[in-house]
């Protein structure tokens, strides 16, 4: 017969602890599960594999490819707008331009590469692109005007982020259009304008909204380029760079006379800029945190 003393002793015994290695495996499994859920529904790190977005994003041969954090939530609540830098899946016409990382045939290494691609430390398995939105559905886009500028709905764009790769040829854009972007689709172009196979290329064209994965928010690697990636709307910038308005109440004739010198001065400045080759330096920007165009 078991006495009260034996019962108390049994109750006072500590429960057996979970083995240390089991705790480690459990924590690792939870971490992997959270990583997969976060990067599937909220945000994901992507590798920039090409130089088409230089120098806003680095992906050139011989330099460290940027790892960028892509926000997958924003476009559930806001519209995609000109100037946004987005990651998207290419349509069938883009198939020949897609990037595929060199995967290993070894099952263990292949699994490690797949895990590494989740956090951007290994080449991605996806065949995705990173470009800038230039025009949205319903807008008409063409290139180029007399000053080598892209035109949207008759308005030349101011694009301060454009880079012309010296070894890719003259600092000139390839003529195209006019093309009216279908509703629900977006015209994509790279910042490295003479080194980008984008919506201008034969068989490419605009990208449907369903193919857009998310908005690029942050450069996370390499550390010397860590910082926010800001969107610069070339359509708004162009309007802001136009002729400034005059105060209300002034005579119309005075307004016209007042704008003539400004218009002439701006045209001379644009012509001078168009004549220059407008190459950007092929060096990295200074270290440190900052917003990017």
Protein backbone atom coordinates (compact mmCIF):
# COMPACT_ATOMS: atom_id res chain seq x y z
CA UNK A 1 0.00 0.00 0.00
CA UNK A 2 1.32 3.37 -0.94
CA UNK A 3 1.42 5.89 1.91
CA UNK A 4 0.95 9.61 1.91
CA UNK A 5 4.71 10.12 2.17
CA UNK A 6 5.31 8.23 -1.05
CA UNK A 7 2.58 10.23 -2.80
CA UNK A 8 4.09 13.55 -1.65
CA UNK A 9 7.51 12.45 -2.77
CA UNK A 10 6.19 11.52 -6.19
CA UNK A 11 4.40 14.86 -6.49
CA UNK A 12 7.57 16.71 -5.57
CA UNK A 13 9.58 15.03 -8.29
CA UNK A 14 10.51 17.31 -11.17
CA UNK A 15 9.23 16.51 -14.64
CA UNK A 16 11.93 15.30 -17.02
CA UNK A 17 13.48 18.16 -19.03
CA UNK A 18 13.42 18.19 -22.81
CA UNK A 19 16.79 17.25 -24.25
CA UNK A 20 18.92 20.24 -25.31
CA UNK A 21 19.24 19.09 -28.91
CA UNK A 22 15.45 18.73 -29.15
CA UNK A 23 15.02 22.33 -27.98
CA UNK A 24 17.51 23.51 -30.59
CA UNK A 25 15.66 21.65 -33.34
CA UNK A 26 12.33 23.04 -32.13
CA UNK A 27 13.65 26.62 -32.10
CA UNK A 28 15.20 26.17 -35.55
CA UNK A 29 11.94 24.79 -36.91
CA UNK A 30 9.93 27.70 -35.48
CA UNK A 31 12.44 30.20 -36.89
CA UNK A 32 12.27 28.64 -40.35
CA UNK A 33 8.47 28.54 -40.25
CA UNK A 34 8.27 32.22 -39.23
CA UNK A 35 10.76 33.15 -41.95
CA UNK A 36 8.73 31.33 -44.60
CA UNK A 37 5.46 32.90 -43.45
CA UNK A 38 6.91 36.41 -43.24
CA UNK A 39 8.59 36.23 -46.64
CA UNK A 40 5.55 34.65 -48.27
CA UNK A 41 3.00 37.19 -47.07
CA UNK A 42 4.78 40.29 -45.70
CA UNK A 43 8.27 40.94 -47.07
CA UNK A 44 11.11 39.10 -48.72
CA UNK A 45 14.79 39.66 -49.46
CA UNK A 46 15.73 39.49 -53.15
CA UNK A 47 19.07 39.44 -54.93
CA UNK A 48 19.65 41.99 -57.70
CA UNK A 49 21.34 39.86 -60.40
CA UNK A 50 21.89 42.40 -63.19
CA UNK A 51 23.06 45.95 -63.79
CA UNK A 52 19.81 47.29 -65.27
CA UNK A 53 19.04 49.37 -62.16
CA UNK A 54 22.48 50.94 -61.74
CA UNK A 55 23.27 53.03 -59.85
CA UNK A 56 20.12 53.11 -57.73
CA UNK A 57 20.67 49.40 -57.08
CA UNK A 58 23.95 47.59 -57.66
CA UNK A 59 23.83 44.33 -59.56
CA UNK A 60 26.80 44.74 -61.86
CA UNK A 61 29.52 42.27 -62.77
CA UNK A 62 32.45 42.57 -60.41
CA UNK A 63 30.59 44.29 -57.55
CA UNK A 64 28.48 43.03 -54.68
CA UNK A 65 24.91 42.40 -55.82
CA UNK A 66 22.48 44.30 -53.62
CA UNK A 67 20.06 42.38 -51.44
CA UNK A 68 16.83 44.34 -51.20
CA UNK A 69 13.82 43.98 -48.91
CA UNK A 70 10.57 43.91 -50.89
CA UNK A 71 7.33 44.98 -49.22
CA UNK A 72 4.48 42.65 -50.27
CA UNK A 73 1.76 44.38 -48.25
CA UNK A 74 1.70 47.99 -49.45
CA UNK A 75 -0.07 47.39 -52.74
CA UNK A 76 -2.96 45.72 -50.95
CA UNK A 77 -3.88 49.18 -49.66
CA UNK A 78 -2.32 51.68 -52.09
CA UNK A 79 -1.98 52.05 -55.85
CA UNK A 80 1.15 51.34 -57.83
CA UNK A 81 2.43 54.74 -58.96
CA UNK A 82 5.04 56.04 -61.43
CA UNK A 83 8.50 56.08 -59.90
CA UNK A 84 7.97 53.01 -57.71
CA UNK A 85 10.75 50.43 -57.89
CA UNK A 86 9.08 47.02 -57.95
CA UNK A 87 9.87 43.33 -58.19
CA UNK A 88 7.66 41.45 -60.65
CA UNK A 89 7.36 38.18 -62.51
CA UNK A 90 8.07 38.51 -66.21
CA UNK A 91 5.42 37.49 -68.72
CA UNK A 92 6.12 34.83 -71.36
CA UNK A 93 7.84 37.39 -73.59
CA UNK A 94 10.40 38.05 -70.87
CA UNK A 95 11.38 34.38 -70.53
CA UNK A 96 14.66 34.71 -72.44
CA UNK A 97 15.77 37.52 -70.13
CA UNK A 98 15.06 35.80 -66.83
CA UNK A 99 17.77 35.12 -64.28
CA UNK A 100 18.38 31.69 -62.87
CA UNK A 101 20.89 31.04 -60.12
CA UNK A 102 23.37 28.20 -60.58
CA UNK A 103 21.86 25.52 -58.35
CA UNK A 104 23.66 22.46 -57.07
CA UNK A 105 22.57 18.92 -57.96
CA UNK A 106 23.48 17.74 -54.46
CA UNK A 107 20.19 17.43 -52.49
CA UNK A 108 21.75 18.73 -49.25
CA UNK A 109 23.40 21.73 -50.93
CA UNK A 110 20.25 22.38 -52.94
CA UNK A 111 18.23 22.49 -49.72
CA UNK A 112 20.73 24.85 -48.10
CA UNK A 113 20.63 27.11 -51.17
CA UNK A 114 16.84 27.19 -51.01
CA UNK A 115 16.98 28.22 -47.36
CA UNK A 116 19.68 30.77 -48.15
CA UNK A 117 17.58 32.30 -50.91
CA UNK A 118 14.87 33.07 -48.34
CA UNK A 119 17.15 35.61 -46.67
CA UNK A 120 19.04 36.71 -49.76
CA UNK A 121 22.36 34.99 -48.99
CA UNK A 122 22.10 32.67 -51.97
CA UNK A 123 20.94 33.13 -55.57
CA UNK A 124 17.12 33.05 -55.87
CA UNK A 125 15.17 30.28 -57.49
CA UNK A 126 12.56 32.69 -58.86
CA UNK A 127 12.82 34.25 -62.29
CA UNK A 128 11.87 37.76 -61.29
CA UNK A 129 12.82 41.30 -62.31
CA UNK A 130 13.45 44.65 -60.64
CA UNK A 131 12.49 47.79 -62.61
CA UNK A 132 10.98 51.23 -62.15
CA UNK A 133 7.35 52.01 -63.01
CA UNK A 134 7.32 54.74 -65.68
CA UNK A 135 3.68 54.82 -66.79
CA UNK A 136 0.42 53.23 -65.61
CA UNK A 137 -2.66 51.90 -67.38
CA UNK A 138 -4.35 54.43 -69.66
CA UNK A 139 -1.24 56.58 -70.12
CA UNK A 140 0.59 56.95 -73.45
CA UNK A 141 4.36 56.62 -73.32
CA UNK A 142 6.94 57.27 -76.03
CA UNK A 143 10.60 58.16 -76.56
CA UNK A 144 12.18 60.42 -77.26
CA UNK A 145 11.65 64.16 -77.52
CA UNK A 146 14.31 66.55 -78.85
CA UNK A 147 16.03 66.48 -75.46
CA UNK A 148 16.31 62.67 -75.28
CA UNK A 149 13.55 62.41 -72.68
CA UNK A 150 10.75 59.85 -72.27
CA UNK A 151 7.33 61.44 -72.78
CA UNK A 152 4.14 60.39 -70.94
CA UNK A 153 0.82 61.91 -72.08
CA UNK A 154 2.72 64.63 -73.91
CA UNK A 155 4.76 65.59 -70.84
CA UNK A 156 8.57 65.00 -70.91
CA UNK A 157 9.80 63.27 -67.77
CA UNK A 158 12.49 64.52 -65.42
CA UNK A 159 14.44 61.40 -64.42
CA UNK A 160 17.35 62.29 -62.11
CA UNK A 161 18.06 58.60 -61.44
CA UNK A 162 19.00 57.71 -65.05
CA UNK A 163 22.47 56.24 -65.56
CA UNK A 164 24.15 55.58 -68.91
CA UNK A 165 26.70 52.77 -68.81
CA UNK A 166 29.75 54.09 -70.72
CA UNK A 167 30.71 50.75 -72.27
CA UNK A 168 27.10 50.17 -73.44
CA UNK A 169 27.31 52.94 -76.04
CA UNK A 170 26.15 56.54 -76.42
CA UNK A 171 24.13 58.22 -73.69
CA UNK A 172 20.97 58.08 -75.77
CA UNK A 173 17.66 56.30 -75.27
CA UNK A 174 16.19 53.89 -77.81
CA UNK A 175 13.19 55.43 -79.62
CA UNK A 176 9.82 53.70 -79.22
CA UNK A 177 6.08 54.38 -79.29
CA UNK A 178 3.83 56.10 -78.75
CA UNK A 179 2.29 53.17 -76.87
CA UNK A 180 -0.87 53.34 -74.76
CA UNK A 181 -0.50 51.16 -71.67
CA UNK A 182 -3.55 48.90 -71.19
CA UNK A 183 -5.62 49.40 -68.04
CA UNK A 184 -4.34 47.34 -65.14
CA UNK A 185 -0.82 47.15 -66.61
CA UNK A 186 2.43 49.06 -66.08
CA UNK A 187 5.30 50.25 -68.27
CA UNK A 188 8.65 49.22 -66.71
CA UNK A 189 12.09 50.63 -67.46
CA UNK A 190 15.52 50.23 -65.89
CA UNK A 191 17.48 53.16 -64.48
CA UNK A 192 20.57 52.10 -66.44
CA UNK A 193 18.77 53.24 -69.54
CA UNK A 194 21.15 51.98 -72.24
CA UNK A 195 21.73 48.68 -70.44
CA UNK A 196 18.22 47.42 -69.63
CA UNK A 197 16.00 44.90 -71.40
CA UNK A 198 12.65 46.20 -70.15
CA UNK A 199 9.17 46.98 -71.50
CA UNK A 200 10.78 48.54 -74.58
CA UNK A 201 12.34 45.25 -75.73
CA UNK A 202 10.69 43.20 -78.46
CA UNK A 203 8.21 40.74 -76.98
CA UNK A 204 8.29 42.32 -73.52
CA UNK A 205 5.77 45.14 -73.21
CA UNK A 206 3.87 46.25 -70.09
CA UNK A 207 3.42 44.09 -66.99
CA UNK A 208 -0.04 43.19 -65.58
CA UNK A 209 -0.77 44.11 -61.97
CA UNK A 210 -1.16 40.44 -61.02
CA UNK A 211 2.55 39.88 -61.80
CA UNK A 212 3.82 42.57 -59.43
CA UNK A 213 5.21 41.01 -56.26
CA UNK A 214 5.95 44.10 -54.21
CA UNK A 215 7.73 47.40 -53.72
CA UNK A 216 11.46 47.67 -53.03
CA UNK A 217 11.91 49.38 -49.65
CA UNK A 218 15.39 48.77 -48.30
CA UNK A 219 18.90 47.73 -49.30
CA UNK A 220 19.99 45.26 -46.63
CA UNK A 221 23.30 44.01 -48.07
CA UNK A 222 26.10 44.88 -48.55
CA UNK A 223 26.28 46.82 -45.28
CA UNK A 224 28.04 49.80 -46.84
CA UNK A 225 24.95 50.41 -48.97
CA UNK A 226 22.35 49.78 -46.25
CA UNK A 227 19.55 52.34 -46.57
CA UNK A 228 16.03 53.15 -47.74
CA UNK A 229 15.15 53.10 -51.42
CA UNK A 230 12.90 56.08 -52.18
CA UNK A 231 10.53 56.31 -55.12
CA UNK A 232 10.94 59.39 -57.35
CA UNK A 233 7.85 60.06 -59.46
CA UNK A 234 9.23 61.36 -62.79
CA UNK A 235 5.82 62.72 -63.76
CA UNK A 236 5.43 64.78 -60.59
CA UNK A 237 9.06 65.88 -60.78
CA UNK A 238 8.54 67.05 -64.35
CA UNK A 239 5.50 69.07 -63.35
CA UNK A 240 7.35 70.60 -60.40
CA UNK A 241 10.25 71.50 -62.67
CA UNK A 242 7.93 73.33 -65.06
CA UNK A 243 7.30 77.02 -65.15
CA UNK A 244 6.37 78.40 -61.73
CA UNK A 245 2.92 79.92 -61.38
CA UNK A 246 2.44 83.65 -60.88
CA UNK A 247 0.44 85.17 -58.06
CA UNK A 248 -3.26 85.54 -58.68
CA UNK A 249 -4.51 89.00 -59.67
CA UNK A 250 -1.59 90.01 -61.89
CA UNK A 251 -2.46 91.07 -65.42
CA UNK A 252 -2.27 88.31 -68.03
CA UNK A 253 0.20 90.27 -70.13
CA UNK A 254 2.58 90.63 -67.19
CA UNK A 255 2.34 86.91 -66.55
CA UNK A 256 3.24 86.06 -70.13
CA UNK A 257 6.17 88.49 -70.19
CA UNK A 258 7.39 87.18 -66.86
CA UNK A 259 7.49 83.57 -68.01
CA UNK A 260 9.38 84.18 -71.24
CA UNK A 261 12.84 84.60 -69.64
CA UNK A 262 12.21 81.57 -67.44
CA UNK A 263 11.16 79.43 -70.39
CA UNK A 264 14.14 80.52 -72.46
CA UNK A 265 16.54 79.89 -69.59
CA UNK A 266 15.14 76.45 -68.87
CA UNK A 267 15.27 75.47 -72.54
CA UNK A 268 18.93 76.52 -72.78
CA UNK A 269 19.74 74.47 -69.69
CA UNK A 270 17.96 71.39 -71.05
CA UNK A 271 19.65 71.72 -74.44
CA UNK A 272 23.04 72.00 -72.75
CA UNK A 273 22.29 68.90 -70.70
CA UNK A 274 21.16 66.98 -73.77
CA UNK A 275 24.37 67.82 -75.58
CA UNK A 276 26.46 66.50 -72.73
CA UNK A 277 26.96 62.73 -72.53
CA UNK A 278 25.56 62.69 -68.99
CA UNK A 279 27.57 59.73 -67.81
CA UNK A 280 27.42 59.13 -64.09
CA UNK A 281 30.58 58.07 -62.25
CA UNK A 282 31.05 54.32 -62.06
CA UNK A 283 32.06 54.52 -58.41
CA UNK A 284 30.00 53.59 -55.40
CA UNK A 285 28.22 56.34 -53.46
CA UNK A 286 29.64 57.32 -50.04
CA UNK A 287 29.06 54.98 -47.13
CA UNK A 288 26.31 55.58 -44.64
CA UNK A 289 22.56 55.67 -44.21
CA UNK A 290 20.62 57.74 -46.70
CA UNK A 291 17.59 57.74 -48.93
CA UNK A 292 18.04 56.69 -52.54
CA UNK A 293 16.39 57.93 -55.69
